[in-house]
């Protein structure tokens, strides 16, 4: 069986030394909130579970920032992994303009049920910048 593009990339990554992929990263990836001309030293994370990040040397850090608050329930959470896998196996993503799906309706109903009676509509956004833009336009 022919390997997928992802399998090829991941095998190259896993076969490279930490120093090699860190150097490639430094030379080619501009990380958020860092200088393009004088980049900060990166911390090489190879896995995550719960609140812990495992570094390339085997040591662990506690991620007190929850990956900028996007992993508030921790990493590799079995319930969240199952829900994400089930959704990915059904449909990963479709544009929301002019199209809808059962998961969107279920989320919308749950949100409306949680809010007081005058609030009967929700806006579902796939990014913070879109959410802020629409909130400003609504205000």
N, C-alpha and C. Protein backbone atom coordinates (compact mmCIF):
# COMPACT_ATOMS: atom_id res chain seq x y z
N UNK A 1 0.84 -1.18 0.00
CA UNK A 1 0.00 0.00 0.00
C UNK A 1 0.89 1.25 0.00
N UNK A 2 0.55 2.22 -0.81
CA UNK A 2 1.32 3.44 -0.92
C UNK A 2 1.10 4.32 0.31
N UNK A 3 2.19 4.80 0.93
CA UNK A 3 2.02 5.66 2.12
C UNK A 3 1.38 6.99 1.75
N UNK A 4 0.61 7.54 2.67
CA UNK A 4 -0.02 8.84 2.45
C UNK A 4 1.02 9.94 2.61
N UNK A 5 0.67 11.13 2.13
CA UNK A 5 1.55 12.28 2.26
C UNK A 5 1.88 12.53 3.74
N UNK A 6 0.85 12.44 4.60
CA UNK A 6 1.06 12.65 6.04
C UNK A 6 2.01 11.61 6.60
N UNK A 7 1.85 10.35 6.21
CA UNK A 7 2.74 9.29 6.71
C UNK A 7 4.19 9.54 6.30
N UNK A 8 4.38 10.02 5.09
CA UNK A 8 5.74 10.33 4.62
C UNK A 8 6.34 11.46 5.45
N UNK A 9 5.57 12.54 5.62
CA UNK A 9 6.06 13.69 6.39
C UNK A 9 6.37 13.28 7.82
N UNK A 10 5.46 12.54 8.45
CA UNK A 10 5.67 12.15 9.85
C UNK A 10 6.85 11.20 10.00
N UNK A 11 7.07 10.31 9.02
CA UNK A 11 8.23 9.41 9.13
C UNK A 11 9.52 10.21 9.00
N UNK A 12 9.53 11.22 8.14
CA UNK A 12 10.72 12.07 8.03
C UNK A 12 10.96 12.81 9.34
N UNK A 13 9.90 13.32 9.94
CA UNK A 13 10.00 14.04 11.21
C UNK A 13 10.49 13.11 12.31
N UNK A 14 9.91 11.93 12.43
CA UNK A 14 10.29 11.02 13.52
C UNK A 14 11.69 10.43 13.32
N UNK A 15 12.16 10.39 12.09
CA UNK A 15 13.50 9.85 11.84
C UNK A 15 14.59 10.92 11.96
N UNK A 16 14.19 12.18 12.00
CA UNK A 16 15.17 13.26 12.12
C UNK A 16 15.54 13.46 13.58
N UNK A 17 16.75 13.95 13.80
CA UNK A 17 17.15 14.26 15.17
C UNK A 17 16.41 15.52 15.62
N UNK A 18 16.26 15.66 16.92
CA UNK A 18 15.61 16.86 17.47
C UNK A 18 16.32 18.11 16.98
N UNK A 19 17.65 18.08 16.99
CA UNK A 19 18.41 19.25 16.55
C UNK A 19 18.10 19.59 15.10
N UNK A 20 17.96 18.55 14.25
CA UNK A 20 17.68 18.80 12.83
C UNK A 20 16.33 19.48 12.62
N UNK A 21 15.27 18.94 13.25
CA UNK A 21 13.97 19.57 13.01
C UNK A 21 13.83 20.90 13.73
N UNK A 22 14.53 21.08 14.86
CA UNK A 22 14.52 22.39 15.52
C UNK A 22 15.22 23.43 14.65
N UNK A 23 16.32 23.05 14.02
CA UNK A 23 17.03 23.98 13.14
C UNK A 23 16.18 24.33 11.94
N UNK A 24 15.50 23.32 11.36
CA UNK A 24 14.62 23.58 10.23
C UNK A 24 13.51 24.54 10.66
N UNK A 25 12.93 24.28 11.82
CA UNK A 25 11.88 25.14 12.37
C UNK A 25 12.39 26.57 12.51
N UNK A 26 13.57 26.73 13.10
CA UNK A 26 14.15 28.07 13.31
C UNK A 26 14.35 28.80 11.99
N UNK A 27 14.78 28.07 10.96
CA UNK A 27 15.08 28.69 9.67
C UNK A 27 13.84 29.00 8.83
N UNK A 28 12.74 28.29 9.08
CA UNK A 28 11.62 28.39 8.15
C UNK A 28 10.25 28.72 8.75
N UNK A 29 10.11 28.67 10.07
CA UNK A 29 8.80 28.93 10.67
C UNK A 29 8.89 30.16 11.56
N UNK A 30 8.00 31.10 11.28
CA UNK A 30 7.91 32.31 12.08
C UNK A 30 6.79 32.09 13.10
N UNK A 31 7.15 31.91 14.34
CA UNK A 31 6.19 31.63 15.40
C UNK A 31 5.50 32.91 15.87
N UNK A 32 4.25 32.80 16.34
CA UNK A 32 3.53 33.98 16.83
C UNK A 32 4.29 34.67 17.96
N UNK A 33 4.18 35.98 18.00
CA UNK A 33 4.74 36.81 19.07
C UNK A 33 6.25 36.66 19.20
N UNK A 34 6.91 36.38 18.09
CA UNK A 34 8.37 36.26 18.13
C UNK A 34 8.97 37.15 17.05
N UNK A 35 10.23 37.45 17.21
CA UNK A 35 10.94 38.27 16.24
C UNK A 35 11.27 37.44 15.01
N UNK A 36 11.02 38.02 13.86
CA UNK A 36 11.37 37.33 12.62
C UNK A 36 12.89 37.33 12.43
N UNK A 37 13.55 38.38 12.89
CA UNK A 37 14.99 38.51 12.70
C UNK A 37 15.81 37.80 13.77
N UNK A 38 15.29 37.75 14.99
CA UNK A 38 16.02 37.15 16.09
C UNK A 38 15.07 36.25 16.89
N UNK A 39 14.72 35.08 16.32
CA UNK A 39 13.71 34.24 16.96
C UNK A 39 14.16 33.69 18.31
N UNK A 40 13.20 33.55 19.21
CA UNK A 40 13.47 32.97 20.53
C UNK A 40 13.74 31.47 20.39
N UNK A 41 14.43 30.92 21.36
CA UNK A 41 14.69 29.49 21.38
C UNK A 41 13.36 28.77 21.62
N UNK A 42 13.07 27.76 20.82
CA UNK A 42 11.83 27.01 20.94
C UNK A 42 12.00 25.82 21.88
N UNK A 43 10.92 25.45 22.54
CA UNK A 43 10.88 24.29 23.43
C UNK A 43 10.33 23.12 22.61
N UNK A 44 11.09 22.05 22.41
CA UNK A 44 10.66 20.95 21.54
C UNK A 44 9.71 19.97 22.23
N UNK A 45 8.42 20.12 21.98
CA UNK A 45 7.39 19.25 22.55
C UNK A 45 7.11 18.10 21.58
N UNK A 46 7.07 16.87 22.10
CA UNK A 46 6.82 15.71 21.24
C UNK A 46 5.50 15.01 21.53
N UNK A 47 4.89 15.26 22.70
CA UNK A 47 3.58 14.70 23.00
C UNK A 47 2.96 15.45 24.16
N UNK A 48 1.66 15.20 24.37
CA UNK A 48 0.95 15.87 25.46
C UNK A 48 -0.18 14.98 25.95
N UNK A 49 -0.38 14.99 27.26
CA UNK A 49 -1.49 14.24 27.87
C UNK A 49 -1.86 14.94 29.17
N UNK A 50 -3.17 15.13 29.36
CA UNK A 50 -3.62 15.85 30.54
C UNK A 50 -3.09 17.27 30.51
N UNK A 51 -2.42 17.70 31.58
CA UNK A 51 -1.84 19.05 31.62
C UNK A 51 -0.35 19.05 31.28
N UNK A 52 0.20 17.88 30.97
CA UNK A 52 1.65 17.76 30.79
C UNK A 52 2.07 17.72 29.32
N UNK A 53 3.13 18.47 29.04
CA UNK A 53 3.79 18.44 27.74
C UNK A 53 5.08 17.66 27.91
N UNK A 54 5.31 16.68 27.06
CA UNK A 54 6.56 15.91 27.11
C UNK A 54 7.52 16.48 26.08
N UNK A 55 8.71 16.82 26.54
CA UNK A 55 9.72 17.40 25.67
C UNK A 55 10.55 16.31 25.00
N UNK A 56 11.31 16.71 24.00
CA UNK A 56 12.11 15.76 23.23
C UNK A 56 13.11 15.00 24.10
N UNK A 57 13.57 15.62 25.18
CA UNK A 57 14.54 14.94 26.06
C UNK A 57 13.87 14.07 27.12
N UNK A 58 12.52 13.97 27.08
CA UNK A 58 11.80 13.14 28.03
C UNK A 58 11.30 13.88 29.25
N UNK A 59 11.77 15.10 29.48
CA UNK A 59 11.29 15.86 30.63
C UNK A 59 9.87 16.35 30.36
N UNK A 60 9.18 16.76 31.42
CA UNK A 60 7.80 17.20 31.29
C UNK A 60 7.62 18.61 31.84
N UNK A 61 6.69 19.33 31.24
CA UNK A 61 6.27 20.64 31.72
C UNK A 61 4.77 20.60 31.97
N UNK A 62 4.31 21.39 32.91
CA UNK A 62 2.87 21.58 33.08
C UNK A 62 2.47 22.78 32.24
N UNK A 63 1.50 22.60 31.36
CA UNK A 63 1.04 23.67 30.49
C UNK A 63 -0.01 24.51 31.21
N UNK A 64 0.45 25.46 32.00
CA UNK A 64 -0.45 26.32 32.75
C UNK A 64 -1.26 27.28 31.89
N UNK A 65 -0.86 27.46 30.64
CA UNK A 65 -1.60 28.34 29.72
C UNK A 65 -2.63 27.56 28.91
N UNK A 66 -2.67 26.25 29.04
CA UNK A 66 -3.60 25.41 28.27
C UNK A 66 -3.53 25.71 26.78
N UNK A 67 -2.32 25.82 26.27
CA UNK A 67 -2.10 26.16 24.86
C UNK A 67 -2.92 27.38 24.46
N UNK A 68 -2.72 28.44 25.17
CA UNK A 68 -3.45 29.69 24.97
C UNK A 68 -4.94 29.44 25.13
N UNK A 69 -5.29 28.70 26.13
CA UNK A 69 -6.67 28.46 26.56
C UNK A 69 -7.48 27.61 25.58
N UNK A 70 -6.84 26.93 24.65
CA UNK A 70 -7.59 26.07 23.72
C UNK A 70 -7.62 24.62 24.18
N UNK A 71 -6.90 24.29 25.25
CA UNK A 71 -6.88 22.92 25.76
C UNK A 71 -7.26 22.93 27.24
N UNK A 72 -8.36 23.60 27.56
CA UNK A 72 -8.72 23.79 28.96
C UNK A 72 -9.09 22.49 29.67
N UNK A 73 -9.41 21.46 28.92
CA UNK A 73 -9.73 20.16 29.53
C UNK A 73 -8.54 19.22 29.47
N UNK A 74 -7.40 19.73 29.06
CA UNK A 74 -6.19 18.92 28.96
C UNK A 74 -6.03 18.32 27.57
N UNK A 75 -4.89 17.71 27.38
CA UNK A 75 -4.57 17.09 26.09
C UNK A 75 -4.94 15.62 26.12
N UNK A 76 -5.27 15.11 24.95
CA UNK A 76 -5.52 13.68 24.78
C UNK A 76 -6.61 13.18 25.72
N UNK A 77 -7.66 13.98 25.88
CA UNK A 77 -8.78 13.63 26.76
C UNK A 77 -9.66 12.61 26.03
N UNK A 78 -9.89 11.43 26.61
CA UNK A 78 -10.60 10.36 25.90
C UNK A 78 -11.99 10.75 25.39
N UNK A 79 -12.76 11.47 26.18
CA UNK A 79 -14.11 11.86 25.75
C UNK A 79 -14.05 12.83 24.58
N UNK A 80 -13.15 13.82 24.67
CA UNK A 80 -13.01 14.79 23.58
C UNK A 80 -12.43 14.13 22.34
N UNK A 81 -11.46 13.22 22.51
CA UNK A 81 -10.90 12.51 21.36
C UNK A 81 -11.97 11.71 20.63
N UNK A 82 -12.84 11.02 21.40
CA UNK A 82 -13.91 10.23 20.79
C UNK A 82 -14.88 11.12 20.03
N UNK A 83 -15.28 12.24 20.65
CA UNK A 83 -16.21 13.16 19.99
C UNK A 83 -15.60 13.72 18.71
N UNK A 84 -14.33 14.12 18.77
CA UNK A 84 -13.67 14.67 17.59
C UNK A 84 -13.53 13.62 16.50
N UNK A 85 -13.15 12.41 16.88
CA UNK A 85 -13.00 11.33 15.90
C UNK A 85 -14.34 11.02 15.24
N UNK A 86 -15.40 10.93 16.04
CA UNK A 86 -16.73 10.66 15.47
C UNK A 86 -17.14 11.75 14.49
N UNK A 87 -16.89 13.02 14.84
CA UNK A 87 -17.25 14.10 13.93
C UNK A 87 -16.39 14.06 12.67
N UNK A 88 -15.09 13.82 12.82
CA UNK A 88 -14.20 13.75 11.65
C UNK A 88 -14.60 12.61 10.72
N UNK A 89 -15.04 11.49 11.29
CA UNK A 89 -15.46 10.36 10.47
C UNK A 89 -16.77 10.65 9.73
N UNK A 90 -17.55 11.60 10.24
CA UNK A 90 -18.81 11.98 9.59
C UNK A 90 -18.57 13.11 8.59
N UNK A 91 -17.92 14.17 9.06
CA UNK A 91 -17.69 15.35 8.24
C UNK A 91 -16.75 16.26 9.02
N UNK A 92 -15.60 16.56 8.46
CA UNK A 92 -14.63 17.37 9.19
C UNK A 92 -15.04 18.83 9.27
N UNK A 93 -15.43 19.40 8.14
CA UNK A 93 -15.74 20.83 8.11
C UNK A 93 -16.42 21.13 6.79
N UNK A 94 -17.42 21.95 6.84
CA UNK A 94 -18.01 22.52 5.63
C UNK A 94 -18.20 24.00 5.89
N UNK A 95 -18.18 24.79 4.82
CA UNK A 95 -18.43 26.21 5.00
C UNK A 95 -19.83 26.37 5.57
N UNK A 96 -20.04 27.39 6.35
CA UNK A 96 -21.31 27.56 7.05
C UNK A 96 -22.23 28.54 6.30
N UNK A 97 -21.72 29.18 5.27
CA UNK A 97 -22.54 30.11 4.48
C UNK A 97 -23.45 29.34 3.53
N UNK A 98 -24.75 29.29 3.84
CA UNK A 98 -25.70 28.62 2.97
C UNK A 98 -25.79 27.12 3.19
N UNK A 99 -25.03 26.57 4.12
CA UNK A 99 -25.02 25.13 4.40
C UNK A 99 -25.15 24.95 5.91
N UNK A 100 -25.85 23.91 6.33
CA UNK A 100 -25.91 23.59 7.74
C UNK A 100 -25.85 22.08 7.92
N UNK A 101 -25.81 21.63 9.15
CA UNK A 101 -25.71 20.19 9.43
C UNK A 101 -26.23 19.91 10.83
N UNK A 102 -26.52 18.64 11.15
CA UNK A 102 -27.13 18.30 12.44
C UNK A 102 -26.31 18.75 13.65
N UNK A 103 -24.98 18.67 13.58
CA UNK A 103 -24.16 19.07 14.74
C UNK A 103 -24.33 20.56 15.03
N UNK A 104 -24.46 21.38 13.98
CA UNK A 104 -24.66 22.82 14.18
C UNK A 104 -26.01 23.08 14.84
N UNK A 105 -27.05 22.39 14.39
CA UNK A 105 -28.37 22.57 14.98
C UNK A 105 -28.37 22.12 16.44
N UNK A 106 -27.72 21.00 16.73
CA UNK A 106 -27.66 20.49 18.11
C UNK A 106 -26.92 21.47 19.02
N UNK A 107 -25.79 22.01 18.55
CA UNK A 107 -25.05 22.98 19.35
C UNK A 107 -25.88 24.25 19.55
N UNK A 108 -26.50 24.74 18.47
CA UNK A 108 -27.33 25.93 18.58
C UNK A 108 -28.45 25.76 19.58
N UNK A 109 -29.13 24.61 19.54
CA UNK A 109 -30.22 24.35 20.49
C UNK A 109 -29.71 24.33 21.92
N UNK A 110 -28.57 23.69 22.12
CA UNK A 110 -28.01 23.62 23.47
C UNK A 110 -27.67 25.01 24.00
N UNK A 111 -27.10 25.85 23.14
CA UNK A 111 -26.76 27.22 23.56
C UNK A 111 -28.00 28.04 23.86
N UNK A 112 -29.03 27.95 22.99
CA UNK A 112 -30.27 28.68 23.22
C UNK A 112 -30.94 28.21 24.51
N UNK A 113 -30.90 26.92 24.77
CA UNK A 113 -31.50 26.38 26.00
C UNK A 113 -30.80 26.88 27.26
N UNK A 114 -29.54 27.27 27.14
CA UNK A 114 -28.78 27.75 28.29
C UNK A 114 -28.98 29.24 28.58
N UNK A 115 -29.53 29.97 27.61
CA UNK A 115 -29.64 31.43 27.75
C UNK A 115 -31.06 31.85 28.11
N UNK A 116 -31.22 33.08 28.65
CA UNK A 116 -32.56 33.58 28.99
C UNK A 116 -33.45 33.69 27.75
N UNK A 117 -34.75 33.68 27.98
CA UNK A 117 -35.75 33.64 26.91
C UNK A 117 -35.57 34.67 25.78
N UNK A 118 -35.20 35.91 26.02
CA UNK A 118 -35.11 36.81 24.87
C UNK A 118 -33.97 36.45 23.90
N UNK A 119 -33.02 35.66 24.35
CA UNK A 119 -31.88 35.30 23.49
C UNK A 119 -32.19 33.96 22.82
N UNK A 120 -32.69 34.05 21.59
CA UNK A 120 -33.12 32.83 20.90
C UNK A 120 -32.34 32.55 19.62
N UNK A 121 -31.30 33.32 19.34
CA UNK A 121 -30.47 33.09 18.16
C UNK A 121 -29.01 33.04 18.56
N UNK A 122 -28.23 32.24 17.84
CA UNK A 122 -26.80 32.14 18.10
C UNK A 122 -26.04 32.37 16.80
N UNK A 123 -24.82 32.86 16.93
CA UNK A 123 -23.90 32.97 15.80
C UNK A 123 -22.75 32.02 16.08
N UNK A 124 -22.53 31.08 15.19
CA UNK A 124 -21.45 30.10 15.37
C UNK A 124 -20.29 30.51 14.46
N UNK A 125 -19.13 30.68 15.06
CA UNK A 125 -17.95 31.13 14.33
C UNK A 125 -16.84 30.10 14.42
N UNK A 126 -16.02 30.04 13.38
CA UNK A 126 -14.90 29.09 13.41
C UNK A 126 -13.59 29.76 13.80
N UNK A 127 -13.64 31.04 14.17
CA UNK A 127 -12.41 31.70 14.62
C UNK A 127 -12.75 32.89 15.51
N UNK A 128 -11.81 33.23 16.35
CA UNK A 128 -12.00 34.37 17.24
C UNK A 128 -12.11 35.68 16.50
N UNK A 129 -11.33 35.85 15.43
CA UNK A 129 -11.37 37.12 14.71
C UNK A 129 -12.72 37.33 14.04
N UNK A 130 -13.30 36.27 13.47
CA UNK A 130 -14.63 36.39 12.87
C UNK A 130 -15.67 36.67 13.95
N UNK A 131 -15.57 35.99 15.08
CA UNK A 131 -16.52 36.21 16.18
C UNK A 131 -16.48 37.66 16.64
N UNK A 132 -15.28 38.23 16.80
CA UNK A 132 -15.15 39.62 17.23
C UNK A 132 -15.69 40.56 16.16
N UNK A 133 -15.36 40.32 14.90
CA UNK A 133 -15.85 41.17 13.81
C UNK A 133 -17.38 41.20 13.79
N UNK A 134 -18.01 40.04 13.89
CA UNK A 134 -19.48 39.98 13.85
C UNK A 134 -20.07 40.62 15.10
N UNK A 135 -19.45 40.42 16.26
CA UNK A 135 -19.95 41.05 17.49
C UNK A 135 -19.92 42.57 17.37
N UNK A 136 -18.87 43.11 16.77
CA UNK A 136 -18.77 44.57 16.57
C UNK A 136 -19.86 45.03 15.61
N UNK A 137 -20.09 44.28 14.54
CA UNK A 137 -21.13 44.65 13.58
C UNK A 137 -22.52 44.56 14.20
N UNK A 138 -22.72 43.62 15.11
CA UNK A 138 -24.02 43.46 15.76
C UNK A 138 -24.26 44.57 16.79
N UNK A 139 -23.19 45.10 17.36
CA UNK A 139 -23.32 46.10 18.44
C UNK A 139 -23.77 47.43 17.96
